[in-house]
Structures are given as C-alpha cells and as structure tokens.
Amino acid sequence: MVNFLSFSGTVTAINDFPTSPNDLDGGCYQLFSVENGRGDLVNFVVAPDTYFVDHRIVRVGDRVTGFYDGDAPVPLIFPPQYAAIVIAKDAPGQNVTVDFFDRQLVSSDGSLRLNISPDTRILLENGQLFNRNPANRYLIVVYGATTRSIPAQTTPSQIIVLC
C-alpha cells in the first residue's frame, strides 16, 4: 500500500537530473526545488511517468503540491529528495488529493468522502474514460468545496484512477 504524502510550495528552480554518470543527453528527468515559505525546502525528482494534474506546464515561480510515497527509500541528504508521483499546479478554487479510497469512497485517513455525480469525469492516467466503479483504488481527486462534516464530503469534478 502506498502511503501518499504531500509537500506544497513555490517552485524555485527546475534543473535537469542525470540518472547516470553517462547520461549525456539527459533531459528526461528533472529536479524541481520547492520552498513552502517557512524555509522548508524539498527537491522532487520528476520522471517521465510523473502525472501532472490537467497536464499543466509548471515553471519557476508556480505554486505546486507534489505527492510522493512516504514509505519509499530516500537518500539522506538535505534538502530531502522525493520521487514525485503526482504534481498539481495550484489553481483558484481547486483542491487535489491523492489517496486510496475504500468501497465507500472514503480516503485512507478517513478525512474525505467522495460523492460522485453524473458530471464527475472519471479517467485513466492516459486521459481515457474509466467505466467502472473507482472504489477500492488509488485516486487523484480534483474537487472544489467540501462540507464541514467528519469526514468532509465533496463532489469531485474529476477523478483520475491510478492503475
């Protein structure tokens, strides 16, 4: 089971990230440096298979949230360096979460419940429609407002199924 954690902040640098000493061409992997405004800094390794929500281009100065596996091994360096699984560029009125949602569409930490409507787009990572129930899967959920209940409830605008 993947333990999704996140870090949000402003992208301060984007650099090529060579994957081997002989990586002369490079360019397929990048290192995004992100600072949260309180002095905390994280480097995200962005691979060709890192999913960008809405396929948005990220540039230096953009606010983003990077999602990574909190249980994956990481090098003991500063700043911490995580393999980004999902990157979401901040957008007004839009929230993004990545987590496992159970058969009742409640997140693994019990903080969010999804109410799917006919207007909710349910897609695969490649942009194709997902025609089954998204329950009991890892999901990228894009949503707006939530209720103040426990768990908070929302009707997502989009769900991306992580297969």
N, C-alpha and C. Protein backbone atom coordinates (compact mmCIF):
# COMPACT_ATOMS: atom_id res chain seq x y z
N MET A 1 0.85 -1.18 0.00
CA MET A 1 0.00 0.00 0.00
C MET A 1 0.89 1.24 0.00
N VAL A 2 0.60 2.17 -0.88
CA VAL A 2 1.36 3.41 -0.97
C VAL A 2 0.86 4.37 0.10
N ASN A 3 1.80 4.99 0.80
CA ASN A 3 1.49 5.98 1.82
C ASN A 3 1.75 7.36 1.21
N PHE A 4 0.72 7.94 0.57
CA PHE A 4 0.90 9.22 -0.11
C PHE A 4 1.06 10.34 0.90
N LEU A 5 2.14 11.10 0.74
CA LEU A 5 2.37 12.33 1.49
C LEU A 5 2.51 13.45 0.47
N SER A 6 2.40 14.69 0.95
CA SER A 6 2.49 15.81 0.03
C SER A 6 3.32 16.94 0.63
N PHE A 7 3.80 17.78 -0.26
CA PHE A 7 4.52 19.00 0.13
C PHE A 7 4.11 20.08 -0.85
N SER A 8 3.73 21.24 -0.32
CA SER A 8 3.26 22.35 -1.15
C SER A 8 4.18 23.54 -1.01
N GLY A 9 4.36 24.27 -2.09
CA GLY A 9 5.17 25.47 -2.06
C GLY A 9 5.38 26.04 -3.44
N THR A 10 6.33 26.94 -3.53
CA THR A 10 6.66 27.62 -4.78
C THR A 10 7.89 26.98 -5.40
N VAL A 11 7.82 26.75 -6.70
CA VAL A 11 8.96 26.19 -7.42
C VAL A 11 10.03 27.27 -7.54
N THR A 12 11.22 26.98 -6.98
CA THR A 12 12.31 27.96 -7.01
C THR A 12 13.34 27.64 -8.08
N ALA A 13 13.38 26.39 -8.54
CA ALA A 13 14.33 26.01 -9.60
C ALA A 13 13.86 24.74 -10.27
N ILE A 14 14.17 24.62 -11.57
CA ILE A 14 13.92 23.40 -12.33
C ILE A 14 15.21 23.11 -13.09
N ASN A 15 15.79 21.94 -12.82
CA ASN A 15 17.06 21.57 -13.45
C ASN A 15 16.97 20.16 -14.01
N ASP A 16 17.79 19.89 -15.02
CA ASP A 16 17.92 18.51 -15.50
C ASP A 16 18.50 17.66 -14.38
N PHE A 17 18.09 16.40 -14.35
CA PHE A 17 18.54 15.48 -13.31
C PHE A 17 19.11 14.25 -14.00
N PRO A 18 20.45 14.17 -14.12
CA PRO A 18 21.03 13.00 -14.78
C PRO A 18 20.80 11.74 -13.95
N THR A 19 20.47 10.66 -14.63
CA THR A 19 20.17 9.41 -13.93
C THR A 19 21.36 8.47 -13.88
N SER A 20 22.45 8.82 -14.58
CA SER A 20 23.67 8.01 -14.52
C SER A 20 24.84 8.90 -14.93
N PRO A 21 26.07 8.48 -14.61
CA PRO A 21 27.23 9.29 -15.00
C PRO A 21 27.38 9.44 -16.51
N ASN A 22 26.85 8.49 -17.27
CA ASN A 22 26.94 8.54 -18.73
C ASN A 22 25.72 9.16 -19.39
N ASP A 23 24.86 9.79 -18.60
CA ASP A 23 23.64 10.39 -19.11
C ASP A 23 23.98 11.71 -19.80
N LEU A 24 24.52 11.62 -21.01
CA LEU A 24 24.99 12.80 -21.73
C LEU A 24 23.86 13.62 -22.32
N ASP A 25 22.82 12.95 -22.79
CA ASP A 25 21.72 13.68 -23.40
C ASP A 25 20.79 14.25 -22.33
N GLY A 26 20.45 13.43 -21.34
CA GLY A 26 19.62 13.88 -20.23
C GLY A 26 18.32 14.49 -20.68
N GLY A 27 17.72 15.25 -19.77
CA GLY A 27 16.50 15.97 -20.08
C GLY A 27 15.22 15.22 -19.80
N CYS A 28 15.30 13.92 -19.62
CA CYS A 28 14.07 13.15 -19.38
C CYS A 28 13.65 13.21 -17.91
N TYR A 29 14.61 13.43 -17.04
CA TYR A 29 14.33 13.57 -15.61
C TYR A 29 14.69 14.99 -15.21
N GLN A 30 13.87 15.56 -14.32
CA GLN A 30 14.13 16.92 -13.85
C GLN A 30 14.07 16.95 -12.33
N LEU A 31 14.69 17.96 -11.75
CA LEU A 31 14.65 18.18 -10.32
C LEU A 31 13.93 19.49 -10.07
N PHE A 32 12.77 19.43 -9.41
CA PHE A 32 12.01 20.62 -9.05
C PHE A 32 12.34 20.96 -7.60
N SER A 33 12.87 22.13 -7.35
CA SER A 33 13.11 22.61 -5.99
C SER A 33 11.88 23.41 -5.57
N VAL A 34 11.31 23.06 -4.40
CA VAL A 34 10.07 23.68 -3.94
C VAL A 34 10.27 24.17 -2.51
N GLU A 35 9.92 25.44 -2.25
CA GLU A 35 10.01 26.01 -0.91
C GLU A 35 8.62 26.42 -0.45
N ASN A 36 8.32 26.13 0.83
CA ASN A 36 6.96 26.36 1.32
C ASN A 36 6.72 27.73 1.94
N GLY A 37 7.70 28.62 1.95
CA GLY A 37 7.50 29.95 2.52
C GLY A 37 7.87 30.04 3.99
N ARG A 38 8.11 28.91 4.63
CA ARG A 38 8.54 28.89 6.04
C ARG A 38 9.99 28.42 6.14
N GLY A 39 10.66 28.39 4.99
CA GLY A 39 12.06 27.97 4.99
C GLY A 39 12.28 26.50 4.72
N ASP A 40 11.21 25.72 4.61
CA ASP A 40 11.34 24.30 4.31
C ASP A 40 11.51 24.13 2.80
N LEU A 41 12.45 23.27 2.42
CA LEU A 41 12.77 23.06 1.01
C LEU A 41 12.75 21.57 0.71
N VAL A 42 12.18 21.20 -0.42
CA VAL A 42 12.14 19.81 -0.89
C VAL A 42 12.51 19.80 -2.36
N ASN A 43 13.24 18.79 -2.77
CA ASN A 43 13.50 18.55 -4.18
C ASN A 43 12.67 17.37 -4.64
N PHE A 44 11.93 17.56 -5.72
CA PHE A 44 11.15 16.47 -6.31
C PHE A 44 11.85 16.01 -7.59
N VAL A 45 12.10 14.71 -7.67
CA VAL A 45 12.60 14.13 -8.91
C VAL A 45 11.37 13.86 -9.78
N VAL A 46 11.33 14.53 -10.92
CA VAL A 46 10.19 14.42 -11.83
C VAL A 46 10.62 13.52 -12.99
N ALA A 47 9.98 12.36 -13.08
CA ALA A 47 10.30 11.35 -14.09
C ALA A 47 9.32 11.46 -15.26
N PRO A 48 9.61 10.78 -16.36
CA PRO A 48 8.68 10.81 -17.49
C PRO A 48 7.27 10.31 -17.14
N ASP A 49 7.15 9.46 -16.10
CA ASP A 49 5.83 8.94 -15.74
C ASP A 49 5.18 9.70 -14.57
N THR A 50 5.78 10.80 -14.13
CA THR A 50 5.13 11.63 -13.10
C THR A 50 3.86 12.22 -13.71
N TYR A 51 2.74 12.08 -12.99
CA TYR A 51 1.47 12.57 -13.52
C TYR A 51 1.27 14.04 -13.12
N PHE A 52 1.03 14.90 -14.10
CA PHE A 52 0.74 16.31 -13.86
C PHE A 52 -0.76 16.51 -14.01
N VAL A 53 -1.43 16.94 -12.94
CA VAL A 53 -2.88 17.13 -12.96
C VAL A 53 -3.23 18.14 -14.04
N ASP A 54 -4.19 17.80 -14.87
CA ASP A 54 -4.64 18.60 -16.01
C ASP A 54 -3.52 18.84 -17.02
N HIS A 55 -2.45 18.06 -16.92
CA HIS A 55 -1.30 18.16 -17.85
C HIS A 55 -0.80 19.59 -17.96
N ARG A 56 -0.81 20.31 -16.82
CA ARG A 56 -0.39 21.71 -16.81
C ARG A 56 1.13 21.83 -16.76
N ILE A 57 1.66 22.77 -17.50
CA ILE A 57 3.09 23.06 -17.52
C ILE A 57 3.44 23.81 -16.24
N VAL A 58 4.53 23.41 -15.59
CA VAL A 58 5.00 24.07 -14.37
C VAL A 58 6.29 24.82 -14.68
N ARG A 59 6.35 26.05 -14.18
CA ARG A 59 7.53 26.90 -14.36
C ARG A 59 8.00 27.42 -13.00
N VAL A 60 9.22 27.93 -12.97
CA VAL A 60 9.73 28.56 -11.76
C VAL A 60 8.78 29.69 -11.36
N GLY A 61 8.45 29.75 -10.07
CA GLY A 61 7.51 30.76 -9.56
C GLY A 61 6.10 30.23 -9.36
N ASP A 62 5.77 29.08 -9.95
CA ASP A 62 4.44 28.50 -9.78
C ASP A 62 4.32 27.83 -8.42
N ARG A 63 3.11 27.88 -7.85
CA ARG A 63 2.82 27.15 -6.61
C ARG A 63 2.31 25.77 -7.00
N VAL A 64 2.87 24.75 -6.35
CA VAL A 64 2.52 23.36 -6.67
C VAL A 64 2.40 22.55 -5.38
N THR A 65 1.78 21.39 -5.53
CA THR A 65 1.79 20.37 -4.49
C THR A 65 2.32 19.10 -5.14
N GLY A 66 3.35 18.54 -4.53
CA GLY A 66 3.91 17.29 -5.01
C GLY A 66 3.50 16.16 -4.09
N PHE A 67 3.08 15.05 -4.67
CA PHE A 67 2.69 13.87 -3.90
C PHE A 67 3.73 12.78 -4.14
N TYR A 68 4.12 12.11 -3.05
CA TYR A 68 5.16 11.10 -3.11
C TYR A 68 4.84 9.98 -2.13
N ASP A 69 5.54 8.85 -2.28
CA ASP A 69 5.35 7.71 -1.39
C ASP A 69 6.20 7.93 -0.15
N GLY A 70 5.54 8.17 0.98
CA GLY A 70 6.24 8.42 2.23
C GLY A 70 7.00 7.22 2.76
N ASP A 71 6.74 6.03 2.23
CA ASP A 71 7.45 4.83 2.68
C ASP A 71 8.57 4.41 1.73
N ALA A 72 8.74 5.13 0.63
CA ALA A 72 9.80 4.79 -0.33
C ALA A 72 11.15 5.21 0.23
N PRO A 73 12.19 4.45 -0.08
CA PRO A 73 13.52 4.85 0.39
C PRO A 73 13.95 6.16 -0.27
N VAL A 74 14.63 7.00 0.52
CA VAL A 74 15.14 8.28 0.01
C VAL A 74 16.58 8.46 0.46
N PRO A 75 17.37 9.18 -0.32
CA PRO A 75 18.75 9.45 0.12
C PRO A 75 18.74 10.38 1.33
N LEU A 76 19.68 10.17 2.25
CA LEU A 76 19.77 11.01 3.44
C LEU A 76 20.60 12.25 3.13
N ILE A 77 19.96 13.19 2.43
CA ILE A 77 20.62 14.43 2.05
C ILE A 77 19.70 15.59 2.39
N PHE A 78 20.27 16.79 2.37
CA PHE A 78 19.46 17.98 2.54
C PHE A 78 19.62 18.84 1.30
N PRO A 79 18.57 19.37 0.75
CA PRO A 79 17.18 19.15 1.17
C PRO A 79 16.72 17.75 0.80
N PRO A 80 15.66 17.27 1.47
CA PRO A 80 15.14 15.95 1.13
C PRO A 80 14.76 15.87 -0.34
N GLN A 81 14.92 14.68 -0.89
CA GLN A 81 14.66 14.47 -2.32
C GLN A 81 13.70 13.30 -2.48
N TYR A 82 12.54 13.56 -3.05
CA TYR A 82 11.50 12.55 -3.20
C TYR A 82 11.17 12.34 -4.67
N ALA A 83 10.84 11.12 -5.02
CA ALA A 83 10.34 10.82 -6.36
C ALA A 83 8.89 11.25 -6.44
N ALA A 84 8.60 12.23 -7.28
CA ALA A 84 7.23 12.75 -7.42
C ALA A 84 6.38 11.74 -8.19
N ILE A 85 5.24 11.39 -7.62
CA ILE A 85 4.29 10.52 -8.31
C ILE A 85 3.26 11.38 -9.03
N VAL A 86 2.81 12.44 -8.35
CA VAL A 86 1.82 13.37 -8.91
C VAL A 86 2.26 14.79 -8.56
N ILE A 87 2.12 15.70 -9.52
CA ILE A 87 2.34 17.13 -9.28
C ILE A 87 1.06 17.86 -9.67
N ALA A 88 0.57 18.71 -8.77
CA ALA A 88 -0.62 19.52 -9.04
C ALA A 88 -0.24 20.99 -8.96
N LYS A 89 -0.43 21.71 -10.03
CA LYS A 89 -0.21 23.16 -10.04
C LYS A 89 -1.42 23.81 -9.40
N ASP A 90 -1.20 24.71 -8.44
CA ASP A 90 -2.31 25.36 -7.74
C ASP A 90 -3.19 26.13 -8.70
N ALA A 91 -4.49 26.04 -8.48
CA ALA A 91 -5.47 26.79 -9.26
C ALA A 91 -6.55 27.28 -8.29
N PRO A 92 -7.05 28.50 -8.48
CA PRO A 92 -8.07 29.04 -7.58
C PRO A 92 -9.30 28.14 -7.52
N GLY A 93 -9.77 27.87 -6.31
CA GLY A 93 -10.97 27.08 -6.11
C GLY A 93 -10.82 25.60 -6.39
N GLN A 94 -9.60 25.15 -6.59
CA GLN A 94 -9.37 23.73 -6.90
C GLN A 94 -8.49 23.09 -5.83
N ASN A 95 -8.95 21.97 -5.32
CA ASN A 95 -8.18 21.16 -4.39
C ASN A 95 -7.84 19.84 -5.06
N VAL A 96 -6.70 19.28 -4.69
CA VAL A 96 -6.30 17.99 -5.23
C VAL A 96 -5.82 17.13 -4.07
N THR A 97 -6.25 15.88 -4.06
CA THR A 97 -5.72 14.92 -3.10
C THR A 97 -5.44 13.62 -3.82
N VAL A 98 -4.46 12.88 -3.31
CA VAL A 98 -4.11 11.58 -3.86
C VAL A 98 -4.12 10.61 -2.70
N ASP A 99 -4.91 9.55 -2.82
CA ASP A 99 -5.03 8.61 -1.71
C ASP A 99 -5.75 7.35 -2.19
N PHE A 100 -5.78 6.37 -1.29
CA PHE A 100 -6.59 5.17 -1.51
C PHE A 100 -7.98 5.46 -0.99
N PHE A 101 -9.00 5.16 -1.79
CA PHE A 101 -10.39 5.35 -1.38
C PHE A 101 -11.06 3.99 -1.32
N ASP A 102 -11.70 3.70 -0.18
CA ASP A 102 -12.28 2.38 0.07
C ASP A 102 -13.59 2.18 -0.69
N ARG A 103 -14.29 1.09 -0.36
CA ARG A 103 -15.52 0.75 -1.10
C ARG A 103 -16.62 1.78 -0.91
N GLN A 104 -16.52 2.60 0.15
CA GLN A 104 -17.49 3.67 0.37
C GLN A 104 -16.95 5.02 -0.09
N LEU A 105 -15.82 4.98 -0.82
CA LEU A 105 -15.16 6.16 -1.36
C LEU A 105 -14.72 7.13 -0.27
N VAL A 106 -14.21 6.56 0.84
CA VAL A 106 -13.63 7.35 1.93
C VAL A 106 -12.12 7.17 1.87
N SER A 107 -11.39 8.27 2.02
CA SER A 107 -9.93 8.24 1.95
C SER A 107 -9.36 7.40 3.09
N SER A 108 -8.11 6.96 2.92
CA SER A 108 -7.49 6.05 3.89
C SER A 108 -7.38 6.66 5.28
N ASP A 109 -7.26 7.99 5.37
CA ASP A 109 -7.19 8.63 6.69
C ASP A 109 -8.56 9.02 7.22
N GLY A 110 -9.62 8.72 6.47
CA GLY A 110 -10.98 8.99 6.91
C GLY A 110 -11.37 10.45 6.86
N SER A 111 -10.60 11.29 6.17
CA SER A 111 -10.88 12.72 6.18
C SER A 111 -11.76 13.21 5.02
N LEU A 112 -11.93 12.40 3.97
CA LEU A 112 -12.68 12.86 2.80
C LEU A 112 -13.52 11.74 2.22
N ARG A 113 -14.77 12.05 1.95
CA ARG A 113 -15.68 11.10 1.30
C ARG A 113 -16.13 11.71 -0.03
N LEU A 114 -16.12 10.88 -1.07
CA LEU A 114 -16.48 11.34 -2.40
C LEU A 114 -17.94 11.00 -2.71
N ASN A 115 -18.64 11.98 -3.25
CA ASN A 115 -19.99 11.78 -3.76
C ASN A 115 -19.93 12.01 -5.26
N ILE A 116 -20.01 10.92 -6.00
CA ILE A 116 -19.86 11.02 -7.45
C ILE A 116 -21.18 11.43 -8.08
N SER A 117 -21.12 12.40 -8.99
CA SER A 117 -22.30 12.85 -9.72
C SER A 117 -22.16 12.47 -11.18
N PRO A 118 -23.23 12.61 -11.96
CA PRO A 118 -23.11 12.35 -13.40
C PRO A 118 -22.11 13.29 -14.09
N ASP A 119 -21.81 14.44 -13.47
CA ASP A 119 -20.87 15.39 -14.05
C ASP A 119 -19.42 15.10 -13.68
N THR A 120 -19.18 14.16 -12.77
CA THR A 120 -17.81 13.82 -12.38
C THR A 120 -17.15 13.04 -13.50
N ARG A 121 -16.04 13.58 -14.02
CA ARG A 121 -15.29 12.87 -15.05
C ARG A 121 -14.36 11.87 -14.36
N ILE A 122 -14.46 10.60 -14.75
CA ILE A 122 -13.60 9.56 -14.20
C ILE A 122 -12.73 9.04 -15.33
N LEU A 123 -11.42 9.26 -15.18
CA LEU A 123 -10.49 8.99 -16.26
C LEU A 123 -9.34 8.10 -15.80
N LEU A 124 -8.68 7.51 -16.77
CA LEU A 124 -7.41 6.83 -16.54
C LEU A 124 -6.30 7.87 -16.68
N GLU A 125 -5.09 7.53 -16.29
CA GLU A 125 -3.97 8.45 -16.40
C GLU A 125 -3.71 8.89 -17.84
N ASN A 126 -4.07 8.05 -18.79
CA ASN A 126 -3.84 8.39 -20.20
C ASN A 126 -4.95 9.25 -20.80
N GLY A 127 -5.92 9.66 -19.98
CA GLY A 127 -7.00 10.53 -20.43
C GLY A 127 -8.23 9.82 -20.95
N GLN A 128 -8.19 8.49 -21.00
CA GLN A 128 -9.34 7.73 -21.48
C GLN A 128 -10.35 7.54 -20.35
N LEU A 129 -11.61 7.36 -20.73
CA LEU A 129 -12.67 7.17 -19.73
C LEU A 129 -12.47 5.86 -18.95
N PHE A 130 -12.76 5.92 -17.67
CA PHE A 130 -12.76 4.74 -16.81
C PHE A 130 -14.22 4.43 -16.55
N ASN A 131 -14.68 3.25 -16.95
CA ASN A 131 -16.11 2.95 -16.94
C ASN A 131 -16.56 2.09 -15.77
N ARG A 132 -15.68 1.87 -14.80
CA ARG A 132 -16.04 1.03 -13.66
C ARG A 132 -16.15 1.88 -12.41
N ASN A 133 -16.50 1.25 -11.32
CA ASN A 133 -16.58 1.93 -10.03
C ASN A 133 -15.15 2.23 -9.56
N PRO A 134 -14.85 3.48 -9.19
CA PRO A 134 -13.49 3.81 -8.76
C PRO A 134 -13.17 3.40 -7.31
N ALA A 135 -14.10 2.76 -6.63
CA ALA A 135 -13.88 2.37 -5.24
C ALA A 135 -12.76 1.34 -5.13
N ASN A 136 -12.13 1.31 -3.94
CA ASN A 136 -11.04 0.38 -3.63
C ASN A 136 -9.84 0.56 -4.56
N ARG A 137 -9.51 1.81 -4.82
CA ARG A 137 -8.39 2.13 -5.71
C ARG A 137 -7.67 3.39 -5.23
N TYR A 138 -6.46 3.55 -5.74
CA TYR A 138 -5.74 4.81 -5.55
C TYR A 138 -6.27 5.80 -6.58
N LEU A 139 -6.61 7.00 -6.10
CA LEU A 139 -7.23 8.01 -6.96
C LEU A 139 -6.57 9.36 -6.79
N ILE A 140 -6.52 10.10 -7.89
CA ILE A 140 -6.22 11.53 -7.85
C ILE A 140 -7.58 12.20 -7.93
N VAL A 141 -7.92 12.99 -6.92
CA VAL A 141 -9.25 13.60 -6.86
C VAL A 141 -9.11 15.11 -6.97
N VAL A 142 -9.82 15.70 -7.93
CA VAL A 142 -9.84 17.14 -8.13
C VAL A 142 -11.22 17.62 -7.73
N TYR A 143 -11.26 18.56 -6.77
CA TYR A 143 -12.56 18.98 -6.24
C TYR A 143 -12.50 20.43 -5.78
N GLY A 144 -13.68 20.98 -5.49
CA GLY A 144 -13.79 22.35 -5.00
C GLY A 144 -14.13 22.35 -3.53
N ALA A 145 -15.31 22.81 -3.22
CA ALA A 145 -15.74 22.96 -1.83
C ALA A 145 -16.04 21.60 -1.19
N THR A 146 -15.94 21.57 0.14
CA THR A 146 -16.30 20.39 0.91
C THR A 146 -17.26 20.80 2.02
N THR A 147 -17.95 19.81 2.55
CA THR A 147 -18.80 20.07 3.71
C THR A 147 -17.90 20.17 4.95
N ARG A 148 -18.45 20.62 6.04
CA ARG A 148 -17.70 20.71 7.30
C ARG A 148 -17.95 19.50 8.19
N SER A 149 -18.47 18.44 7.61
CA SER A 149 -18.76 17.23 8.36
C SER A 149 -17.48 16.41 8.55
N ILE A 150 -17.60 15.36 9.34
CA ILE A 150 -16.49 14.42 9.51
C ILE A 150 -16.99 13.06 9.05
N PRO A 151 -16.45 12.50 7.97
CA PRO A 151 -15.45 13.11 7.10
C PRO A 151 -16.07 14.20 6.24
N ALA A 152 -15.23 15.11 5.78
CA ALA A 152 -15.68 16.13 4.83
C ALA A 152 -16.16 15.41 3.57
N GLN A 153 -17.20 15.94 2.95
CA GLN A 153 -17.72 15.34 1.74
C GLN A 153 -17.60 16.33 0.59
N THR A 154 -17.38 15.79 -0.60
CA THR A 154 -17.26 16.63 -1.77
C THR A 154 -17.76 15.87 -3.00
N THR A 155 -18.17 16.62 -3.99
CA THR A 155 -18.50 16.04 -5.29
C THR A 155 -17.39 16.47 -6.23
N PRO A 156 -16.48 15.55 -6.54
CA PRO A 156 -15.32 15.92 -7.37
C PRO A 156 -15.71 16.28 -8.79
N SER A 157 -14.95 17.18 -9.39
CA SER A 157 -15.14 17.49 -10.79
C SER A 157 -14.44 16.44 -11.65
N GLN A 158 -13.35 15.86 -11.10
CA GLN A 158 -12.59 14.89 -11.86
C GLN A 158 -11.91 13.90 -10.92
N ILE A 159 -11.87 12.65 -11.37
CA ILE A 159 -11.15 11.59 -10.66
C ILE A 159 -10.26 10.89 -11.69
N ILE A 160 -8.98 10.77 -11.34
CA ILE A 160 -8.06 10.03 -12.19
C ILE A 160 -7.69 8.75 -11.44
N VAL A 161 -7.93 7.62 -12.05
CA VAL A 161 -7.66 6.33 -11.44
C VAL A 161 -6.20 5.95 -11.70
N LEU A 162 -5.48 5.68 -10.61
CA LEU A 162 -4.09 5.23 -10.72
C LEU A 162 -4.09 3.71 -10.80
N CYS A 163 -3.85 3.18 -11.95
CA CYS A 163 -3.88 1.72 -12.14
C CYS A 163 -2.55 1.10 -11.75
